[in-house]
Amino acid sequence: MNQVSNNALLSFALDLASAVTQPNRFEQLVYAVRATINCDAVVLLFHSNGVLTPLAQRGLSEDLMGRRFIIEEQPRLKAICAGHYPVRFPADSPLPDPYDGMVLGHDENLPVHSCMGVPLYLEGKLIGVVTLDSILPGVFDNIDARALEIIGTMAAMTLNTAILMERLENQSQHAQNVLKVIAEQSHEMIGQSKAMQDLKQSINLVAPSDFSILIEGETGVGKELVARMLHDKSSRFDAPMVYVNCAAIPHHLIESELFGHVKGAFTGADRDRQGKFLLADGGTLFLDEIGELPLEVQGTLLRAIQNQEIQAVGKDQIRKVNVRIIAATNRHLETEVADNRFRADLFHRLSVFPIQVPPLRERQGDVPLLAGFFAERFRRKLGLQQLTLSASAIELLEAYHWPGNVRELEHVISRAALFSKAESSKAESAKSDNATGITVISSAHLTGLQIDNSTQEKRQKNELAPPRLEKHTSIDLRLETETYQRELICKALEINGGNWSKAAQQLSMDRANLARLAKRLGIVIAKEVRI
């Protein structure tokens, strides 16, 4: 029975009091809730402009932190946010659960059976939501409603205090502010790795200035996104940011594109035209692929940047402009300068404040978050009730080296979403009575990923290595052997996407013998799988 005693409420209050002083205060709030109410999963979400963004969670797959839930598209979340009191959903509720198939340690196709949500209001304003889920039905039925209201009120006050502290710490450069990232939904940078925290700190530092900025990084890392964030955080945010792809403009039209021309200046100039510099006057000019700019144009560009003056092609008059320059390239411009393919003076003028965007392979832990972000985006585009990633899929994504970086990851998830949707549609047509509405991206759907097999095998062997026996230690050999066999079989199943035949092949066993051993070890075999 899942009841909340007075002692439990007191412990909860004490936990919350200590949580706000911790650097991981949002996680501490989630821990406190889970310690008070027995459940499989807890999520703390922040509310802003009709969107719920996870701040911390326990018990769900890690890709959840990259997802953004539009309240109008999620019936259960909408029901929770609609009132001021906790909402408990019956086990047979027809409303889809946003976390179906994401509870750790359970079948990916298993839906949530107990769901409860606590809206967090402060002074009549919804600031967040706490959701609690369990695979078992009826878990939350006997919790006293008054106790839940007390928990919600205390949690709301703690969340508000934590938010205020995050803002103060951000202003004094002691910590990154999660809420500032949340508030900028249009140009959000997903990632919590050290490399991304350093990048965000650099953006926050230089954005308010008028320095020229050179953004360097490999193809697909998100250089344009960095440029847009720099503009949005600058004092020019309400003026235009004009984009120019230097690699896409014919050489003989580059000066006209940048500075404009008058009618009759050259063949085909049948009317006056304003250039990009004039369009960006008062705002930002983003010169993408600046390394592709021909040498003969670089000198003219340098003068325009230095003097903030432009001269349209075919016109004698010089015009003053007020433009901030942000340039980007996937080339190493210092090498281009050394090889006389790029002007040194222009390079130094552009790189007053250089920013290096890290490749995805150096962003430790960000791949699951980005995968969840893209999965949620394609779930909406494809009209799916739920789209999750299996543990084996996330493992494969993290093992890949990502030469195409974030753009490649986005394309991989988009293809996988289509494949999983097609497979799920066939399965639901064949078993309409058992349809759960959960579409799962498995490792088999992640096409085009070439993993170094030797590295994978070495890593898998290390993960499954037996425990080391130390001197003077006493162990139960039978128990340790069974534990090791159980872990080995579960790992083989996870690696092979739940396919028992492939798992048996990898373990060099007969399929039937593997099934008998798994049954003896207490490993549950799905009914639909025939052994």
Protein backbone atom coordinates (compact mmCIF):
# COMPACT_ATOMS: atom_id res chain seq x y z
CA MET A 1 0.00 0.00 0.00
CA ASN A 2 1.50 3.33 -1.07
CA GLN A 3 0.52 5.70 1.76
CA VAL A 4 2.31 8.84 2.93
CA SER A 5 2.78 9.14 6.71
CA ASN A 6 3.45 12.30 8.69
CA ASN A 7 7.03 11.17 9.22
CA ALA A 8 7.42 10.72 5.48
CA LEU A 9 6.11 14.25 4.88
CA LEU A 10 8.55 15.60 7.46
CA SER A 11 11.44 13.78 5.78
CA PHE A 12 10.27 15.12 2.43
CA ALA A 13 10.28 18.69 3.76
CA LEU A 14 13.79 18.25 5.18
CA ASP A 15 15.02 16.78 1.90
CA LEU A 16 13.61 19.75 -0.01
CA ALA A 17 15.19 22.21 2.40
CA SER A 18 18.62 20.72 1.71
CA ALA A 19 17.98 20.29 -2.03
CA VAL A 20 18.05 23.99 -2.92
CA THR A 21 21.60 24.35 -1.61
CA GLN A 22 22.92 21.52 -3.76
CA PRO A 23 24.40 22.08 -7.24
CA ASN A 24 22.12 19.32 -8.58
CA ARG A 25 19.03 20.76 -6.85
CA PHE A 26 16.55 19.59 -9.52
CA GLU A 27 17.80 15.99 -9.21
CA GLN A 28 17.58 16.27 -5.42
CA LEU A 29 13.94 17.35 -5.69
CA VAL A 30 13.20 14.27 -7.79
CA TYR A 31 15.02 12.02 -5.30
CA ALA A 32 12.95 13.49 -2.47
CA VAL A 33 9.67 12.78 -4.28
CA ARG A 34 10.69 9.23 -5.12
CA ALA A 35 11.78 8.56 -1.53
CA THR A 36 8.36 9.71 -0.29
CA ILE A 37 6.14 7.96 -2.85
CA ASN A 38 7.03 4.48 -4.07
CA CYS A 39 7.05 4.41 -7.90
CA ASP A 40 9.06 3.27 -10.92
CA ALA A 41 9.67 6.72 -12.42
CA VAL A 42 9.56 10.41 -11.48
CA VAL A 43 9.99 13.40 -13.79
CA LEU A 44 10.27 17.09 -12.89
CA LEU A 45 9.23 19.31 -15.79
CA PHE A 46 9.43 23.08 -16.19
CA HIS A 47 6.54 24.93 -17.85
CA SER A 48 7.07 27.75 -20.34
CA ASN A 49 4.74 28.93 -23.12
CA GLY A 50 2.72 25.73 -23.29
CA VAL A 51 5.78 23.46 -23.38
CA LEU A 52 7.00 21.13 -20.63
CA THR A 53 10.76 20.58 -20.53
CA PRO A 54 12.33 17.88 -18.29
CA LEU A 55 14.69 19.28 -15.65
CA ALA A 56 15.43 15.97 -13.91
CA GLN A 57 14.15 12.39 -13.92
CA ARG A 58 14.64 8.99 -12.35
CA GLY A 59 13.58 5.62 -13.72
CA LEU A 60 13.18 6.46 -17.41
CA SER A 61 15.55 6.10 -20.36
CA GLU A 62 18.08 8.92 -20.59
CA ASP A 63 16.85 10.19 -23.97
CA LEU A 64 13.83 11.65 -22.13
CA MET A 65 15.92 14.68 -21.14
CA GLY A 66 16.17 15.70 -24.78
CA ARG A 67 12.40 15.69 -25.33
CA ARG A 68 10.10 18.71 -25.22
CA PHE A 69 6.39 18.04 -24.59
CA ILE A 70 3.83 20.37 -26.15
CA ILE A 71 0.97 20.26 -23.65
CA GLU A 72 -1.80 20.44 -26.28
CA GLU A 73 -0.40 17.31 -27.95
CA GLN A 74 -0.20 15.23 -24.73
CA PRO A 75 -3.68 14.45 -23.28
CA ARG A 76 -2.41 13.30 -19.88
CA LEU A 77 -0.09 16.23 -19.39
CA LYS A 78 -2.88 18.54 -20.53
CA ALA A 79 -5.22 17.03 -17.93
CA ILE A 80 -2.59 17.49 -15.19
CA CYS A 81 -1.97 21.13 -16.14
CA ALA A 82 -5.67 21.94 -16.43
CA GLY A 83 -6.28 22.13 -12.66
CA HIS A 84 -4.63 22.95 -9.34
CA TYR A 85 -4.94 19.48 -7.79
CA PRO A 86 -3.10 16.15 -8.27
CA VAL A 87 -4.52 13.93 -11.00
CA ARG A 88 -4.59 10.12 -10.80
CA PHE A 89 -5.37 8.22 -13.97
CA PRO A 90 -7.13 4.83 -13.86
CA ALA A 91 -5.18 1.82 -15.12
CA ASP A 92 -7.58 1.47 -18.04
CA SER A 93 -7.39 5.14 -19.04
CA PRO A 94 -7.54 5.47 -22.86
CA LEU A 95 -5.27 8.54 -22.76
CA PRO A 96 -1.78 7.76 -24.11
CA ASP A 97 1.06 8.14 -21.59
CA PRO A 98 4.04 10.21 -22.82
CA TYR A 99 6.44 7.77 -21.12
CA ASP A 100 5.04 4.49 -22.47
CA GLY A 101 7.90 2.13 -23.28
CA MET A 102 10.51 4.30 -21.54
CA VAL A 103 10.51 2.84 -18.00
CA LEU A 104 13.90 1.29 -17.31
CA GLY A 105 14.17 -2.39 -16.53
CA HIS A 106 10.94 -3.28 -18.30
CA ASP A 107 9.82 -4.45 -21.73
CA GLU A 108 10.09 -1.59 -24.24
CA ASN A 109 6.57 -2.32 -25.47
CA LEU A 110 5.07 -2.37 -21.98
CA PRO A 111 2.81 0.63 -21.32
CA VAL A 112 2.59 2.49 -18.01
CA HIS A 113 -0.30 1.22 -15.84
CA SER A 114 -0.24 3.69 -12.95
CA CYS A 115 0.14 7.37 -13.63
CA MET A 116 -0.20 10.40 -11.41
CA GLY A 117 0.61 14.04 -11.99
CA VAL A 118 1.06 16.92 -9.56
CA PRO A 119 0.79 20.43 -11.05
CA LEU A 120 3.16 22.93 -9.42
CA TYR A 121 1.48 26.30 -9.01
CA LEU A 122 2.91 29.39 -7.39
CA GLU A 123 0.77 32.51 -6.93
CA GLY A 124 -1.76 31.12 -9.39
CA LYS A 125 0.83 30.49 -12.13
CA LEU A 126 1.79 27.03 -13.40
CA ILE A 127 5.58 26.78 -13.15
CA GLY A 128 6.02 23.05 -13.54
CA VAL A 129 4.75 19.50 -13.16
CA VAL A 130 5.87 16.38 -11.30
CA THR A 131 4.78 13.09 -12.87
CA LEU A 132 4.93 9.69 -11.18
CA ASP A 133 4.56 6.40 -13.03
CA SER A 134 4.52 2.72 -12.25
CA ILE A 135 4.22 -0.43 -14.33
CA LEU A 136 1.92 -1.95 -11.68
CA PRO A 137 -1.74 -0.84 -11.68
CA GLY A 138 -3.36 0.82 -8.68
CA VAL A 139 -0.12 1.85 -6.97
CA PHE A 140 -1.25 5.43 -6.27
CA ASP A 141 -4.90 4.74 -5.43
CA ASN A 142 -4.57 4.84 -1.64
CA ILE A 143 -2.47 7.99 -1.26
CA ASP A 144 -4.25 10.64 0.76
CA ALA A 145 -5.28 13.58 -1.45
CA ARG A 146 -4.37 16.11 1.23
CA ALA A 147 -0.85 14.65 1.50
CA LEU A 148 -0.44 14.99 -2.26
CA GLU A 149 -1.53 18.63 -2.12
CA ILE A 150 1.04 19.30 0.61
CA ILE A 151 3.74 17.59 -1.45
CA GLY A 152 2.76 19.65 -4.51
CA THR A 153 2.83 22.94 -2.59
CA MET A 154 6.23 22.24 -1.04
CA ALA A 155 7.64 21.04 -4.36
CA ALA A 156 6.38 24.18 -6.15
CA MET A 157 8.02 26.45 -3.59
CA THR A 158 11.25 24.48 -3.80
CA LEU A 159 11.22 24.56 -7.60
CA ASN A 160 10.66 28.31 -7.60
CA THR A 161 13.53 28.82 -5.14
CA ALA A 162 15.77 26.57 -7.22
CA ILE A 163 14.89 28.55 -10.35
CA LEU A 164 15.76 31.85 -8.66
CA MET A 165 19.07 30.45 -7.45
CA GLU A 166 19.88 29.17 -10.93
CA ARG A 167 19.32 32.66 -12.31
CA LEU A 168 21.52 34.30 -9.67
CA GLU A 169 24.31 31.79 -10.20
CA ASN A 170 24.18 32.31 -13.94
CA GLN A 171 24.52 36.09 -13.55
CA SER A 172 27.67 35.61 -11.47
CA GLN A 173 29.07 33.00 -13.89
CA HIS A 174 29.09 30.24 -11.25
CA ALA A 175 26.83 27.86 -13.17
CA GLN A 176 24.95 27.40 -16.39
CA ASN A 177 21.31 28.40 -16.25
CA VAL A 178 19.03 25.61 -17.39
CA LEU A 179 16.09 27.98 -17.65
CA LYS A 180 17.77 30.31 -20.14
CA VAL A 181 18.20 27.37 -22.49
CA ILE A 182 14.57 26.42 -21.91
CA ALA A 183 13.36 29.95 -22.60
CA GLU A 184 15.01 30.00 -26.03
CA GLN A 185 13.02 27.20 -27.61
CA SER A 186 13.45 28.58 -31.13
CA HIS A 187 17.24 28.18 -31.13
CA GLU A 188 17.82 25.61 -28.42
CA MET A 189 21.19 23.91 -28.04
CA ILE A 190 20.65 20.40 -26.71
CA GLY A 191 23.56 19.07 -24.64
CA GLN A 192 24.92 18.85 -21.12
CA SER A 193 28.49 17.73 -21.86
CA LYS A 194 31.49 19.70 -20.65
CA ALA A 195 32.27 20.68 -24.25
CA MET A 196 28.78 22.13 -24.72
CA GLN A 197 28.82 23.92 -21.37
CA ASP A 198 32.08 25.60 -22.41
CA LEU A 199 30.56 26.56 -25.76
CA LYS A 200 27.47 28.08 -24.14
CA GLN A 201 29.67 30.00 -21.71
CA SER A 202 31.66 31.46 -24.64
CA ILE A 203 28.43 32.46 -26.40
CA ASN A 204 27.08 34.17 -23.26
CA LEU A 205 30.39 35.98 -22.81
CA VAL A 206 30.84 37.44 -26.29
CA ALA A 207 27.26 37.80 -27.54
CA PRO A 208 26.56 41.21 -25.91
CA SER A 209 29.66 42.73 -27.53
CA ASP A 210 30.01 43.91 -31.12
CA PHE A 211 33.16 41.85 -31.73
CA SER A 212 33.55 40.06 -35.05
CA ILE A 213 33.32 36.32 -34.43
CA LEU A 214 34.75 33.40 -36.40
CA ILE A 215 32.92 30.11 -35.80
CA GLU A 216 34.99 27.06 -36.74
CA GLY A 217 33.90 23.44 -36.75
CA GLU A 218 33.31 20.35 -38.83
CA THR A 219 30.39 19.97 -41.20
CA GLY A 220 27.12 19.33 -39.36
CA VAL A 221 28.13 20.49 -35.86
CA GLY A 222 25.62 23.37 -35.79
CA LYS A 223 27.62 26.49 -36.66
CA GLU A 224 24.53 28.30 -37.95
CA LEU A 225 22.72 27.55 -34.67
CA VAL A 226 25.64 29.10 -32.76
CA ALA A 227 25.46 32.19 -34.99
CA ARG A 228 21.72 32.57 -34.35
CA MET A 229 22.21 32.26 -30.59
CA LEU A 230 24.95 34.90 -30.72
CA HIS A 231 22.57 37.25 -32.53
CA ASP A 232 19.61 36.49 -30.24
CA LYS A 233 21.69 37.22 -27.13
CA SER A 234 23.13 40.45 -28.53
CA SER A 235 21.80 43.99 -28.29
CA ARG A 236 20.87 43.63 -31.98
CA PHE A 237 18.37 40.83 -31.34
CA ASP A 238 15.43 42.90 -32.61
CA ALA A 239 17.25 43.75 -35.88
CA PRO A 240 17.66 41.30 -38.77
CA MET A 241 20.33 38.61 -39.04
CA VAL A 242 21.10 38.23 -42.76
CA TYR A 243 22.50 34.92 -43.97
CA VAL A 244 24.99 34.62 -46.83
CA ASN A 245 26.33 31.30 -48.11
CA CYS A 246 29.66 32.35 -49.63
CA ALA A 247 30.10 28.95 -51.30
CA ALA A 248 26.80 29.15 -53.20
CA ILE A 249 27.31 32.52 -54.95
CA PRO A 250 28.94 32.63 -58.43
CA HIS A 251 32.30 34.41 -58.22
CA HIS A 252 31.32 37.22 -60.59
CA LEU A 253 28.22 38.06 -58.50
CA ILE A 254 29.71 38.03 -54.99
CA GLU A 255 30.37 41.80 -54.80
CA SER A 256 26.87 42.52 -56.09
CA GLU A 257 25.40 40.08 -53.54
CA LEU A 258 27.29 41.68 -50.64
CA PHE A 259 27.26 45.37 -51.57
CA GLY A 260 24.42 45.70 -54.11
CA HIS A 261 24.42 47.17 -57.62
CA VAL A 262 22.74 49.83 -59.72
CA LYS A 263 20.77 49.29 -62.90
CA GLY A 264 23.07 48.76 -65.90
CA ALA A 265 26.19 48.04 -63.77
CA PHE A 266 26.70 44.77 -65.68
CA THR A 267 24.88 42.53 -68.12
CA GLY A 268 21.65 41.37 -66.55
CA ALA A 269 21.48 44.19 -63.97
CA ASP A 270 18.06 45.44 -65.07
CA ARG A 271 17.26 47.23 -61.79
CA ASP A 272 18.89 48.60 -58.65
CA ARG A 273 19.46 46.03 -55.92
CA GLN A 274 20.40 46.34 -52.26
CA GLY A 275 23.23 44.12 -51.03
CA LYS A 276 23.33 41.95 -47.91
CA PHE A 277 25.34 44.56 -45.98
CA LEU A 278 22.59 47.12 -46.41
CA LEU A 279 19.87 44.60 -45.55
CA ALA A 280 21.76 43.79 -42.34
CA ASP A 281 22.28 47.45 -41.37
CA GLY A 282 21.76 47.71 -37.62
CA GLY A 283 21.85 43.93 -37.26
CA THR A 284 24.10 40.97 -37.96
CA LEU A 285 25.60 39.65 -41.20
CA PHE A 286 26.34 35.93 -41.06
CA LEU A 287 28.93 34.90 -43.66
CA ASP A 288 28.73 31.11 -43.82
CA GLU A 289 31.49 29.12 -45.53
CA ILE A 290 33.75 32.20 -45.47
CA GLY A 291 36.71 30.00 -46.44
CA GLU A 292 35.23 29.60 -49.94
CA LEU A 293 35.41 33.33 -50.67
CA PRO A 294 37.79 34.10 -53.60
CA LEU A 295 40.94 36.07 -52.81
CA GLU A 296 40.03 38.92 -55.17
CA VAL A 297 36.87 39.66 -53.12
CA GLN A 298 38.47 39.29 -49.70
CA GLY A 299 40.21 42.70 -49.91
CA THR A 300 36.92 44.49 -50.66
CA LEU A 301 35.21 42.67 -47.81
CA LEU A 302 38.05 43.61 -45.45
CA ARG A 303 37.65 47.32 -46.23
CA ALA A 304 33.89 47.13 -45.71
CA ILE A 305 34.35 45.48 -42.31
CA GLN A 306 37.12 47.85 -41.18
CA ASN A 307 35.45 51.11 -42.27
CA GLN A 308 31.79 50.04 -42.02
CA GLU A 309 31.39 51.47 -45.52
CA ILE A 310 30.05 49.90 -48.69
CA GLN A 311 29.97 50.91 -52.33
CA ALA A 312 27.40 49.37 -54.63
CA VAL A 313 28.70 47.98 -57.95
CA GLY A 314 28.42 50.72 -60.60
CA LYS A 315 27.91 53.50 -58.06
CA ASP A 316 30.42 56.14 -56.90
CA GLN A 317 28.68 57.04 -53.67
CA ILE A 318 29.91 55.39 -50.46
CA ARG A 319 27.36 54.54 -47.78
CA LYS A 320 27.92 54.02 -44.06
CA VAL A 321 26.49 50.89 -42.43
CA ASN A 322 26.38 49.47 -38.90
CA VAL A 323 26.82 45.72 -39.23
CA ARG A 324 28.19 43.07 -36.89
CA ILE A 325 30.04 40.28 -38.69
CA ILE A 326 29.78 36.62 -37.74
CA ALA A 327 31.64 34.24 -40.06
CA ALA A 328 31.74 30.45 -40.11
CA THR A 329 33.87 27.84 -41.84
CA ASN A 330 34.63 24.12 -41.75
CA ARG A 331 38.17 24.85 -42.96
CA HIS A 332 41.19 25.59 -40.78
CA LEU A 333 41.74 29.20 -41.80
CA GLU A 334 45.21 29.46 -40.26
CA THR A 335 46.31 26.72 -42.65
CA GLU A 336 44.55 28.50 -45.51
CA VAL A 337 46.47 31.67 -44.62
CA ALA A 338 49.78 29.78 -44.51
CA ASP A 339 49.02 28.35 -47.96
CA ASN A 340 48.11 31.80 -49.35
CA ARG A 341 44.49 30.84 -49.98
CA PHE A 342 43.09 33.29 -47.44
CA ARG A 343 44.21 36.81 -46.54
CA ALA A 344 45.94 37.06 -43.17
CA ASP A 345 44.57 40.55 -42.49
CA LEU A 346 40.98 39.42 -43.14
CA PHE A 347 41.50 36.35 -40.96
CA HIS A 348 42.68 38.48 -38.03
CA ARG A 349 39.82 40.95 -38.57
CA LEU A 350 37.23 38.15 -38.50
CA SER A 351 38.69 36.17 -35.61
CA VAL A 352 38.59 38.83 -32.91
CA PHE A 353 36.79 36.17 -30.85
CA PRO A 354 37.09 32.67 -32.36
CA ILE A 355 34.60 30.00 -31.29
CA GLN A 356 35.28 26.31 -31.88
CA VAL A 357 32.13 24.15 -32.07
CA PRO A 358 32.96 20.64 -30.78
CA PRO A 359 32.25 17.59 -32.96
CA LEU A 360 29.62 15.18 -31.67
CA ARG A 361 32.19 12.49 -30.87
CA GLU A 362 33.69 14.83 -28.23
CA ARG A 363 30.34 15.60 -26.58
CA GLN A 364 30.29 12.86 -23.96
CA GLY A 365 26.72 11.92 -23.01
CA ASP A 366 24.95 14.25 -25.45
CA VAL A 367 24.01 11.65 -28.08
CA PRO A 368 21.05 10.15 -26.11
CA LEU A 369 19.69 13.66 -25.39
CA LEU A 370 19.90 14.69 -29.03
CA ALA A 371 18.40 11.37 -30.12
CA GLY A 372 15.46 11.96 -27.77
CA PHE A 373 15.05 15.51 -29.06
CA PHE A 374 14.92 14.36 -32.68
CA ALA A 375 12.72 11.36 -31.82
CA GLU A 376 10.14 13.67 -30.26
CA ARG A 377 10.28 15.97 -33.28
CA PHE A 378 9.70 13.11 -35.73
CA ARG A 379 7.01 11.60 -33.49
CA ARG A 380 5.00 14.76 -34.05
CA LYS A 381 5.75 14.90 -37.77
CA LEU A 382 4.73 11.28 -38.28
CA GLY A 383 1.65 11.53 -36.07
CA LEU A 384 2.79 8.76 -33.71
CA GLN A 385 1.38 8.32 -30.22
CA GLN A 386 4.79 7.43 -28.76
CA LEU A 387 8.25 6.96 -30.26
CA THR A 388 10.98 5.54 -28.02
CA LEU A 389 14.53 4.29 -28.47
CA SER A 390 15.55 0.86 -27.23
CA ALA A 391 18.56 0.44 -24.96
CA SER A 392 20.41 -1.35 -27.76
CA ALA A 393 19.67 1.53 -30.14
CA ILE A 394 21.07 4.10 -27.71
CA GLU A 395 24.11 1.89 -27.15
CA LEU A 396 24.73 1.72 -30.89
CA LEU A 397 24.29 5.48 -31.29
CA GLU A 398 26.83 6.13 -28.53
CA ALA A 399 29.33 3.70 -30.06
CA TYR A 400 29.28 5.39 -33.49
CA HIS A 401 31.93 8.03 -34.32
CA TRP A 402 29.55 10.46 -36.15
CA PRO A 403 31.64 11.93 -38.99
CA GLY A 404 28.57 13.93 -40.07
CA ASN A 405 27.96 15.12 -36.50
CA VAL A 406 24.52 16.37 -35.31
CA ARG A 407 23.15 16.66 -38.85
CA GLU A 408 23.97 12.99 -39.49
CA LEU A 409 22.34 11.98 -36.19
CA GLU A 410 19.18 13.86 -37.17
CA HIS A 411 19.04 12.05 -40.52
CA VAL A 412 19.68 8.66 -38.89
CA ILE A 413 16.84 9.18 -36.39
CA SER A 414 14.48 10.39 -39.15
CA ARG A 415 15.12 7.23 -41.22
CA ALA A 416 14.83 5.02 -38.15
CA ALA A 417 11.50 6.65 -37.24
CA LEU A 418 10.13 5.81 -40.68
CA PHE A 419 11.38 2.20 -40.50
CA SER A 420 10.02 1.68 -36.99
CA LYS A 421 6.68 3.23 -37.93
CA ALA A 422 6.33 0.88 -40.91
CA GLU A 423 7.25 -2.14 -38.78
CA SER A 424 4.94 -1.07 -35.96
CA SER A 425 2.04 -0.56 -38.40
CA LYS A 426 2.44 -4.12 -39.70
CA ALA A 427 2.61 -5.54 -36.17
CA GLU A 428 -0.47 -3.63 -35.02
CA SER A 429 -2.41 -4.74 -38.09
CA ALA A 430 -1.58 -8.36 -37.31
CA LYS A 431 -2.32 -8.00 -33.56
CA SER A 432 -4.87 -5.22 -33.33
CA ASP A 433 -6.11 -6.41 -29.92
CA ASN A 434 -2.63 -6.03 -28.37
CA ALA A 435 -1.72 -2.71 -29.97
CA THR A 436 -0.05 -0.40 -27.43
CA GLY A 437 0.59 2.64 -29.60
CA ILE A 438 4.30 2.50 -28.70
CA THR A 439 6.67 2.66 -31.66
CA VAL A 440 10.19 1.55 -30.73
CA ILE A 441 13.36 2.44 -32.63
CA SER A 442 15.64 -0.57 -32.29
CA SER A 443 19.26 -0.96 -33.35
CA ALA A 444 18.06 -2.72 -36.52
CA HIS A 445 16.38 0.52 -37.65
CA LEU A 446 19.61 2.55 -37.41
CA THR A 447 20.87 2.12 -40.94
CA GLY A 448 24.19 3.35 -42.30
CA LEU A 449 26.16 3.19 -39.04
CA GLN A 450 29.50 1.45 -39.50
CA ILE A 451 30.88 0.41 -36.12
CA ASP A 452 34.42 -0.88 -35.61
CA ASN A 453 33.68 -4.52 -34.72
CA SER A 454 36.96 -5.05 -32.89
CA THR A 455 36.24 -2.07 -30.64
CA GLN A 456 32.67 -3.26 -30.04
CA GLU A 457 33.75 -6.80 -29.20
CA LYS A 458 36.47 -5.56 -26.84
CA ARG A 459 34.01 -3.27 -25.07
CA GLN A 460 31.41 -6.03 -24.77
CA LYS A 461 33.98 -8.45 -23.36
CA ASN A 462 35.07 -5.87 -20.80
CA GLU A 463 31.47 -5.26 -19.77
CA LEU A 464 30.84 -8.98 -19.34
CA ALA A 465 34.13 -9.81 -17.66
CA PRO A 466 33.79 -12.02 -14.54
CA PRO A 467 34.48 -10.50 -11.12
CA ARG A 468 38.06 -10.61 -9.91
CA LEU A 469 38.69 -12.94 -6.96
CA GLU A 470 40.71 -11.26 -4.22
CA LYS A 471 42.74 -13.04 -1.56
CA HIS A 472 40.90 -13.92 1.69
CA THR A 473 37.47 -13.34 0.12
CA SER A 474 34.69 -15.91 0.37
CA ILE A 475 32.10 -16.30 -2.39
CA ASP A 476 29.23 -18.63 -3.29
CA LEU A 477 30.48 -20.13 -6.57
CA ARG A 478 27.08 -21.42 -7.68
CA LEU A 479 25.37 -18.09 -6.99
CA GLU A 480 28.14 -16.11 -8.70
CA THR A 481 28.05 -18.45 -11.71
CA GLU A 482 24.28 -18.09 -12.09
CA THR A 483 24.52 -14.31 -11.72
CA TYR A 484 27.21 -14.16 -14.39
CA GLN A 485 25.18 -16.41 -16.74
CA ARG A 486 22.09 -14.27 -16.18
CA GLU A 487 23.99 -11.05 -16.94
CA LEU A 488 25.63 -12.61 -19.99
CA ILE A 489 22.32 -13.78 -21.47
CA CYS A 490 20.58 -10.46 -20.79
CA LYS A 491 23.47 -8.58 -22.36
CA ALA A 492 23.44 -10.82 -25.43
CA LEU A 493 19.69 -10.25 -25.80
CA GLU A 494 20.14 -6.49 -25.46
CA ILE A 495 22.93 -6.41 -28.04
CA ASN A 496 20.81 -8.43 -30.48
CA GLY A 497 17.62 -6.45 -30.00
CA GLY A 498 15.80 -9.19 -28.09
CA ASN A 499 16.35 -11.77 -30.84
CA TRP A 500 16.85 -15.13 -29.06
CA SER A 501 18.22 -16.91 -32.13
CA LYS A 502 20.96 -14.32 -32.63
CA ALA A 503 21.69 -14.26 -28.90
CA ALA A 504 22.07 -18.04 -28.89
CA GLN A 505 24.37 -17.84 -31.90
CA GLN A 506 26.54 -15.23 -30.19
CA LEU A 507 26.71 -17.36 -27.04
CA SER A 508 27.53 -20.48 -29.14
CA MET A 509 24.47 -22.30 -27.77
CA ASP A 510 21.51 -24.14 -29.16
CA ARG A 511 18.42 -21.95 -29.13
CA ALA A 512 16.33 -24.45 -27.13
CA ASN A 513 19.12 -24.96 -24.57
CA LEU A 514 19.39 -21.18 -24.14
CA ALA A 515 15.65 -20.96 -23.52
CA ARG A 516 15.79 -23.71 -20.86
CA LEU A 517 18.77 -22.08 -19.14
CA ALA A 518 17.07 -18.67 -19.22
CA LYS A 519 13.93 -20.15 -17.67
CA ARG A 520 15.97 -21.79 -14.89
CA LEU A 521 17.73 -18.49 -14.20
CA GLY A 522 14.43 -16.62 -13.98
CA ILE A 523 14.79 -14.64 -17.22
CA VAL A 524 11.33 -13.87 -18.57
CA ILE A 525 10.76 -14.96 -22.17
CA ALA A 526 8.22 -12.94 -24.15
CA LYS A 527 5.16 -15.00 -25.09
CA GLU A 528 5.27 -13.99 -28.73
CA VAL A 529 8.82 -15.32 -29.11
CA ARG A 530 8.86 -18.98 -30.07
CA ILE A 531 11.90 -20.83 -28.80
